[in-house]
Amino acid sequence: MITFDCYGTLIDWESGIRKSLEDVLGSAGVHWSEKYFDRYLTTEAQLEAEPYQPYRDILTAVEDRLLTEAGVSSPPEPRLADSQAHWLPFHDTVDSLARLKKHFQLGILSNVDRTLFAHTAEHLKVPMDWVITAQDVRSYKPAHGHFLQMLQKTGLKKEQVLHTAQSLFHDIRPCNQLGIPCVWINRRNERNTTTARPWAEFPDLASFADAVLSFGNHKA
């Protein structure tokens, strides 16, 4: 089975969240700056490390904090969470998933709620065999809940799973800790300066699918 992180690996969440933040801040009269994107990343990670709350609530809390820091005393209606439904796949996502689906079971391990993922599933077009969200395990990666529940529900051994992800922090490192084979989709050609060690690295999902399928068609 091949499992995927969703946002950042299959979905271009960075473009989606940037546009959403610009829209939210702009509607409040706040001039856009990259510092707000950096603050989004930091604040989201802080909230996900705290006792579990739904991802929709996390997005709303991040929005509130950014607006407060920007000096907006009366924030508009929360819109960041609703914008998630419009974040789109990378150009190679749908085709790569369709090709892989012919030969492998596919799964999603994602730091969102099931309601939010349902919108994303429409964009992916390829049905998943397994979907495990933060709502299901009541924790956020890099905590181990997603991975442990995936192994428990599928009944597969670690070596029968290949996890595919963009985030060294949220996905590759916990896979290393659990002994789950993993590959890094490094779309931005970043240098790995962390202790996380993927089994392999690919510049995009299409090249990953090419490599996997070149080994033969084995249903797993």
Foldseek 3Di string as FASTA:
>chain_A
DEEEAPDQAWFPVLVLLLVVLCVQCVVLVFHDDCVLVVLLVVQLVVVLVDQFDAPLVSQQVSSVVSCVVSVRPDGDDDDSLVSLLVTATDPCQLVLLVLVVVFEAYEYEYAHDPVSVVSVCVRSVDDHPYYHYCVNQRHAFVPCRSVVVVCVVVVDDLAVYEYEYADLRRPQVSCVVVVHAYEHQPCPPDDDPDPRDHPYYHNHSVVVSVVVCVVDRHYD
